[in-house]
């Protein structure tokens, strides 16, 4: 997809963070932008920011407030877009996401249902609801569309490696990646495309996600407090700017890239991916061989680490966040000495 002007974009989580950055980028490219969120006030503020940044009008930005995990509400939103703008989106970008940190063995059904509901189920909902409409409206034959169309999702570097402290999130993102790979192959004959965006850290307010967890899903196994949320926000403050991230996605869509990984110099993410896949390969080796290879790889990484590397931004633990990433204290089967973020 290369021509964005006059076309329709539907962006979930568009009231803040990565979704808002994407909305600004695609609105500036001349698209009519639909943004969704569960926070009505945030949507109102986002509309003003998009208009100011892109120089568009209020008629070019449609805010929709609903729960993305509710299929009936999502279907109603799709119908609203067609009624107002005359057709389904040419570009579907599913970015809404939440996360919470804690030992995976402490996770409750509510932890899984909330995180995977927003990070995975909402992506499934959008694809199932919108893709048939997009194919009917814009799809062609033999890879030549009547009009260009594309689906995208914001995933994470966490999709490529499991995290003992981010189990539901990493699982949801891994599944999202595979979904987008599948849709890339499926949409090609119709002339459509698919892209999955896998950033490492975004300057967003996802650290406050626990404040918006639905009441019926609040039985968490994790220690959550104002301090832990402040700690997450301090970490995310050092992440990539949302508009810059949106430009990365736009460039990836324009060039037909299925995976976009805006993670600094290529060596950074290539080494991380190689380490992860090497670890998987090493599981077929004997324990002695595996441990030797791991030790050799870690020693090589330490030798190549620059001595003047700047400290990572935002890693000062604020007061009240000392238990960040730990389980609730009343879960007596959890080993409190283990840090789930590192093993």
Protein backbone atom coordinates (compact mmCIF):
# COMPACT_ATOMS: atom_id res chain seq x y z
CA UNK A 1 0.00 0.00 0.00
CA UNK A 2 1.58 3.26 -1.12
CA UNK A 3 -1.21 5.79 -1.67
CA UNK A 4 -2.88 6.88 1.58
CA UNK A 5 -4.59 10.12 0.56
CA UNK A 6 -8.36 10.07 0.84
CA UNK A 7 -8.44 6.52 2.21
CA UNK A 8 -9.78 5.32 5.57
CA UNK A 9 -7.66 4.13 8.51
CA UNK A 10 -9.08 2.37 11.58
CA UNK A 11 -6.67 2.44 14.54
CA UNK A 12 -7.37 0.77 17.88
CA UNK A 13 -5.89 2.27 21.03
CA UNK A 14 -5.73 5.55 19.12
CA UNK A 15 -6.33 7.87 22.07
CA UNK A 16 -2.75 7.76 23.37
CA UNK A 17 0.71 6.25 22.97
CA UNK A 18 1.57 4.25 19.88
CA UNK A 19 -1.97 4.34 18.51
CA UNK A 20 -2.17 8.13 18.74
CA UNK A 21 1.23 8.45 17.07
CA UNK A 22 0.01 6.24 14.22
CA UNK A 23 -3.21 8.24 13.91
CA UNK A 24 -1.22 11.46 13.59
CA UNK A 25 1.09 10.00 10.95
CA UNK A 26 -1.67 8.56 8.77
CA UNK A 27 -3.90 11.62 9.17
CA UNK A 28 -1.00 13.77 8.00
CA UNK A 29 -0.67 11.42 5.01
CA UNK A 30 -4.21 12.43 4.02
CA UNK A 31 -6.27 9.58 5.48
CA UNK A 32 -9.59 9.81 7.27
CA UNK A 33 -8.75 8.32 10.66
CA UNK A 34 -11.00 6.35 13.00
CA UNK A 35 -9.57 6.03 16.52
CA UNK A 36 -10.95 3.76 19.24
CA UNK A 37 -10.47 3.57 22.99
CA UNK A 38 -12.43 2.83 26.16
CA UNK A 39 -11.49 6.25 27.62
CA UNK A 40 -13.92 8.86 26.32
CA UNK A 41 -12.00 11.89 27.65
CA UNK A 42 -8.74 10.61 26.15
CA UNK A 43 -10.46 10.21 22.77
CA UNK A 44 -11.69 13.80 22.88
CA UNK A 45 -8.19 15.10 23.60
CA UNK A 46 -6.68 12.86 20.92
CA UNK A 47 -8.97 14.28 18.23
CA UNK A 48 -7.69 17.79 18.97
CA UNK A 49 -4.07 16.63 18.88
CA UNK A 50 -4.54 14.84 15.54
CA UNK A 51 -6.22 17.85 13.94
CA UNK A 52 -3.45 20.16 15.15
CA UNK A 53 -0.63 17.83 14.05
CA UNK A 54 -2.04 16.78 10.67
CA UNK A 55 -3.77 20.02 9.71
CA UNK A 56 -6.98 18.13 8.95
CA UNK A 57 -10.57 18.88 9.95
CA UNK A 58 -12.87 17.36 12.56
CA UNK A 59 -14.70 15.54 9.76
CA UNK A 60 -11.49 13.61 9.04
CA UNK A 61 -11.23 12.11 12.55
CA UNK A 62 -13.87 9.79 13.99
CA UNK A 63 -13.55 8.79 17.68
CA UNK A 64 -15.35 5.61 18.77
CA UNK A 65 -15.56 4.63 22.42
CA UNK A 66 -16.15 0.92 22.99
CA UNK A 67 -14.66 -2.30 24.37
CA UNK A 68 -12.62 -4.02 21.66
CA UNK A 69 -13.07 -7.41 23.32
CA UNK A 70 -16.85 -7.18 22.78
CA UNK A 71 -17.61 -8.54 19.33
CA UNK A 72 -21.05 -6.98 19.15
CA UNK A 73 -19.62 -3.54 19.95
CA UNK A 74 -16.79 -4.04 17.44
CA UNK A 75 -19.30 -5.01 14.75
CA UNK A 76 -21.39 -1.93 15.53
CA UNK A 77 -18.24 0.19 15.17
CA UNK A 78 -17.52 -1.36 11.77
CA UNK A 79 -21.05 -0.55 10.65
CA UNK A 80 -20.65 3.03 11.88
CA UNK A 81 -17.47 3.50 9.85
CA UNK A 82 -19.18 2.30 6.68
CA UNK A 83 -22.19 4.52 7.32
CA UNK A 84 -20.12 7.67 7.91
CA UNK A 85 -17.24 7.19 5.47
CA UNK A 86 -18.95 5.04 2.84
CA UNK A 87 -16.92 1.84 3.21
CA UNK A 88 -14.68 -0.26 5.42
CA UNK A 89 -11.16 0.92 6.24
CA UNK A 90 -8.45 0.55 3.64
CA UNK A 91 -5.97 0.30 6.51
CA UNK A 92 -6.71 -1.58 9.73
CA UNK A 93 -4.12 -1.01 12.48
CA UNK A 94 -4.76 -2.85 15.75
CA UNK A 95 -2.55 -1.32 18.42
CA UNK A 96 -4.52 -1.33 21.68
CA UNK A 97 -2.68 -3.24 24.39
CA UNK A 98 -2.29 -3.71 28.13
CA UNK A 99 0.30 -5.39 30.30
CA UNK A 100 0.97 -6.25 33.92
CA UNK A 101 4.10 -7.74 35.46
CA UNK A 102 4.26 -10.73 37.79
CA UNK A 103 5.36 -14.37 37.98
CA UNK A 104 3.51 -16.43 35.41
CA UNK A 105 2.86 -19.14 38.01
CA UNK A 106 0.99 -16.53 40.06
CA UNK A 107 -1.24 -15.59 37.12
CA UNK A 108 -4.98 -15.94 37.58
CA UNK A 109 -7.64 -16.54 34.97
CA UNK A 110 -8.43 -12.83 35.21
CA UNK A 111 -4.80 -11.94 34.43
CA UNK A 112 -4.87 -14.11 31.32
CA UNK A 113 -8.35 -13.04 30.26
CA UNK A 114 -7.57 -9.34 30.59
CA UNK A 115 -4.13 -9.22 28.97
CA UNK A 116 -4.80 -11.77 26.24
CA UNK A 117 -8.29 -10.40 25.70
CA UNK A 118 -6.97 -6.95 24.82
CA UNK A 119 -3.66 -7.96 23.22
CA UNK A 120 -4.87 -10.96 21.19
CA UNK A 121 -8.65 -11.39 21.16
CA UNK A 122 -9.25 -7.82 20.00
CA UNK A 123 -6.86 -8.43 17.09
CA UNK A 124 -8.81 -11.56 16.16
CA UNK A 125 -12.08 -9.64 16.43
CA UNK A 126 -10.91 -6.89 14.09
CA UNK A 127 -9.53 -9.30 11.52
CA UNK A 128 -12.65 -11.49 11.47
CA UNK A 129 -15.00 -8.49 11.34
CA UNK A 130 -13.12 -6.29 8.88
CA UNK A 131 -11.12 -8.51 6.51
CA UNK A 132 -14.16 -9.98 4.66
CA UNK A 133 -15.52 -6.45 4.22
CA UNK A 134 -12.17 -5.18 2.99
CA UNK A 135 -11.81 -8.02 0.46
CA UNK A 136 -15.34 -7.47 -0.86
CA UNK A 137 -14.86 -3.71 -1.15
CA UNK A 138 -11.25 -3.50 -2.34
CA UNK A 139 -9.94 -6.95 -3.23
CA UNK A 140 -9.11 -8.04 -6.75
CA UNK A 141 -7.69 -11.11 -8.44
CA UNK A 142 -4.16 -12.29 -9.18
CA UNK A 143 -2.71 -9.85 -6.65
CA UNK A 144 -4.24 -6.75 -8.27
CA UNK A 145 -6.66 -4.95 -5.92
CA UNK A 146 -9.51 -2.66 -6.95
CA UNK A 147 -8.13 -0.36 -4.26
CA UNK A 148 -5.09 -0.78 -2.04
CA UNK A 149 -5.81 -2.24 1.40
CA UNK A 150 -3.72 -3.47 4.30
CA UNK A 151 -3.99 -4.89 7.83
CA UNK A 152 -1.44 -4.27 10.57
CA UNK A 153 -0.99 -4.97 14.27
CA UNK A 154 1.34 -3.58 16.89
CA UNK A 155 3.13 -6.48 18.56
CA UNK A 156 6.38 -6.44 20.54
CA UNK A 157 9.91 -7.76 20.72
CA UNK A 158 8.40 -9.83 23.53
CA UNK A 159 6.73 -11.91 20.82
CA UNK A 160 10.06 -13.58 20.05
CA UNK A 161 10.87 -14.74 23.57
CA UNK A 162 8.87 -15.92 26.54
CA UNK A 163 9.07 -13.88 29.72
CA UNK A 164 8.56 -15.45 33.14
CA UNK A 165 7.30 -12.09 34.37
CA UNK A 166 5.20 -11.24 31.29
CA UNK A 167 3.75 -14.63 30.36
CA UNK A 168 0.25 -13.64 29.12
CA UNK A 169 1.61 -10.62 27.24
CA UNK A 170 4.41 -12.52 25.49
CA UNK A 171 2.03 -15.34 24.56
CA UNK A 172 -0.48 -12.89 23.10
CA UNK A 173 2.17 -11.09 21.07
CA UNK A 174 3.65 -14.35 19.72
CA UNK A 175 0.18 -15.37 18.56
CA UNK A 176 -0.38 -11.92 17.01
CA UNK A 177 2.82 -12.27 14.99
CA UNK A 178 1.74 -15.63 13.63
CA UNK A 179 -1.71 -14.28 12.77
CA UNK A 180 -0.20 -11.45 10.76
CA UNK A 181 2.16 -13.82 8.95
CA UNK A 182 -0.86 -15.93 8.01
CA UNK A 183 -2.91 -12.95 6.80
CA UNK A 184 0.06 -11.75 4.75
CA UNK A 185 -0.08 -14.98 2.77
CA UNK A 186 -3.88 -15.03 2.65
CA UNK A 187 -4.38 -11.45 1.43
CA UNK A 188 -1.69 -11.48 -1.25
CA UNK A 189 -3.92 -13.07 -3.96
CA UNK A 190 -6.50 -10.30 -3.38
CA UNK A 191 -3.86 -7.57 -3.62
CA UNK A 192 -3.84 -6.84 0.11
CA UNK A 193 -0.99 -6.87 2.58
CA UNK A 194 -0.19 -7.42 6.24
CA UNK A 195 2.41 -5.95 8.59
CA UNK A 196 3.28 -6.63 12.22
CA UNK A 197 5.15 -3.93 14.14
CA UNK A 198 7.51 -5.23 16.84
CA UNK A 199 9.00 -2.39 18.92
CA UNK A 200 11.04 -2.87 22.07
CA UNK A 201 9.88 0.03 24.24
CA UNK A 202 7.44 2.86 23.51
CA UNK A 203 7.05 6.20 25.24
CA UNK A 204 3.45 5.55 26.21
CA UNK A 205 1.17 5.36 29.24
CA UNK A 206 0.71 1.58 29.11
CA UNK A 207 2.16 1.59 32.62
CA UNK A 208 -1.21 2.91 33.82
CA UNK A 209 -3.14 0.06 32.23
CA UNK A 210 -4.06 -1.49 35.58
CA UNK A 211 -6.17 1.58 36.33
CA UNK A 212 -8.48 0.63 33.48
CA UNK A 213 -8.72 -3.10 34.13
CA UNK A 214 -12.43 -4.04 34.12
CA UNK A 215 -13.96 -4.68 37.51
CA UNK A 216 -14.90 -8.26 36.66
CA UNK A 217 -11.25 -9.07 35.84
CA UNK A 218 -9.55 -7.55 38.89
CA UNK A 219 -8.61 -10.77 40.67
CA UNK A 220 -4.90 -10.54 39.89
CA UNK A 221 -2.11 -12.71 41.21
CA UNK A 222 0.39 -9.87 40.87
CA UNK A 223 1.46 -7.16 43.28
CA UNK A 224 0.03 -3.95 41.85
CA UNK A 225 0.33 -0.48 43.40
CA UNK A 226 0.77 3.17 42.48
CA UNK A 227 4.49 2.57 42.91
CA UNK A 228 4.65 -0.31 40.43
CA UNK A 229 2.72 1.74 37.88
CA UNK A 230 5.05 4.70 38.42
CA UNK A 231 8.01 2.38 37.84
CA UNK A 232 6.57 1.13 34.56
CA UNK A 233 5.90 4.69 33.43
CA UNK A 234 9.50 5.64 34.20
CA UNK A 235 10.71 2.77 32.03
CA UNK A 236 8.41 3.61 29.14
CA UNK A 237 9.46 7.26 29.31
CA UNK A 238 12.74 6.17 27.71
CA UNK A 239 11.04 4.41 24.80
CA UNK A 240 10.69 5.36 21.15
CA UNK A 241 8.53 8.39 20.35
CA UNK A 242 5.06 7.32 19.13
CA UNK A 243 5.19 9.49 16.01
CA UNK A 244 8.59 8.10 15.08
CA UNK A 245 7.16 4.62 15.60
CA UNK A 246 4.21 5.52 13.38
CA UNK A 247 6.60 6.59 10.63
CA UNK A 248 8.37 3.23 10.89
CA UNK A 249 5.04 1.47 10.41
CA UNK A 250 4.07 3.68 7.46
CA UNK A 251 7.40 2.97 5.75
CA UNK A 252 6.96 -0.76 6.36
CA UNK A 253 3.49 -0.73 4.83
CA UNK A 254 4.70 1.28 1.83
CA UNK A 255 7.52 -1.18 1.16
CA UNK A 256 5.44 -4.30 1.79
CA UNK A 257 7.38 -5.47 4.84
CA UNK A 258 5.62 -8.13 6.88
CA UNK A 259 7.74 -7.52 10.00
CA UNK A 260 8.87 -4.07 11.12
CA UNK A 261 11.36 -3.94 14.00
CA UNK A 262 12.23 -0.37 15.03
CA UNK A 263 14.82 -1.28 17.62
CA UNK A 264 17.83 0.93 17.01
CA UNK A 265 20.77 -0.31 14.91
CA UNK A 266 20.04 -3.64 13.17
CA UNK A 267 22.76 -5.39 15.17
CA UNK A 268 20.82 -4.78 18.38
CA UNK A 269 17.75 -6.76 17.44
CA UNK A 270 19.58 -9.22 15.21
CA UNK A 271 21.77 -10.28 18.15
CA UNK A 272 18.72 -10.60 20.40
CA UNK A 273 16.88 -12.72 17.85
CA UNK A 274 19.92 -14.87 17.21
CA UNK A 275 20.35 -15.45 20.95
CA UNK A 276 16.74 -16.51 21.27
CA UNK A 277 16.76 -18.86 18.31
CA UNK A 278 20.14 -20.23 19.30
CA UNK A 279 18.72 -21.06 22.73
CA UNK A 280 15.88 -22.97 21.06
CA UNK A 281 18.35 -24.89 18.90
CA UNK A 282 20.45 -25.70 21.95
CA UNK A 283 17.58 -27.57 23.58
CA UNK A 284 18.28 -30.45 21.19
CA UNK A 285 21.86 -30.68 22.49
CA UNK A 286 22.97 -32.46 25.63
CA UNK A 287 23.03 -30.41 28.83
CA UNK A 288 26.83 -30.18 28.87
CA UNK A 289 27.00 -29.01 25.25
CA UNK A 290 24.20 -26.55 25.82
CA UNK A 291 25.74 -24.99 28.92
CA UNK A 292 29.08 -24.64 27.18
CA UNK A 293 27.52 -22.83 24.23
CA UNK A 294 25.54 -20.52 26.51
CA UNK A 295 28.68 -19.63 28.47
CA UNK A 296 30.61 -18.96 25.26
CA UNK A 297 27.84 -16.75 23.91
CA UNK A 298 27.54 -14.74 27.13
CA UNK A 299 31.31 -14.25 27.29
CA UNK A 300 31.29 -13.00 23.69
CA UNK A 301 28.49 -10.57 24.46
CA UNK A 302 30.41 -9.17 27.45
CA UNK A 303 33.56 -8.72 25.34
CA UNK A 304 31.59 -6.75 22.75
CA UNK A 305 29.75 -4.53 25.23
CA UNK A 306 30.96 -0.91 24.92
CA UNK A 307 32.51 0.50 28.09
CA UNK A 308 30.92 3.90 27.55
CA UNK A 309 27.37 2.66 27.00
CA UNK A 310 24.91 5.16 28.54
CA UNK A 311 22.65 3.90 31.32
CA UNK A 312 19.17 2.89 30.19
CA UNK A 313 16.73 5.74 30.67
CA UNK A 314 14.09 5.46 33.33
CA UNK A 315 15.40 2.57 35.38
CA UNK A 316 15.35 4.32 38.76
CA UNK A 317 12.90 2.41 40.93
CA UNK A 318 10.48 4.91 42.50
CA UNK A 319 9.35 4.67 46.11
CA UNK A 320 6.65 2.05 46.48
CA UNK A 321 7.78 -0.01 43.49
CA UNK A 322 10.23 -2.25 45.32
CA UNK A 323 7.93 -5.22 44.73
CA UNK A 324 7.56 -4.50 41.02
CA UNK A 325 7.07 -7.70 39.06
CA UNK A 326 6.44 -9.81 42.14
CA UNK A 327 3.44 -11.84 43.22
CA UNK A 328 0.84 -10.99 45.79
CA UNK A 329 2.24 -11.65 49.26
CA UNK A 330 -0.56 -14.02 50.24
CA UNK A 331 0.36 -16.51 47.48
CA UNK A 332 2.49 -18.71 49.70
CA UNK A 333 3.58 -21.10 46.96
CA UNK A 334 5.58 -18.39 45.19
CA UNK A 335 9.30 -18.19 45.98
CA UNK A 336 9.78 -14.52 46.96
CA UNK A 337 13.52 -14.65 46.30
CA UNK A 338 13.07 -15.26 42.58
CA UNK A 339 12.96 -12.29 40.26
CA UNK A 340 10.54 -13.26 37.48
CA UNK A 341 11.98 -10.71 35.08
CA UNK A 342 15.29 -12.52 34.87
CA UNK A 343 14.57 -16.19 35.49
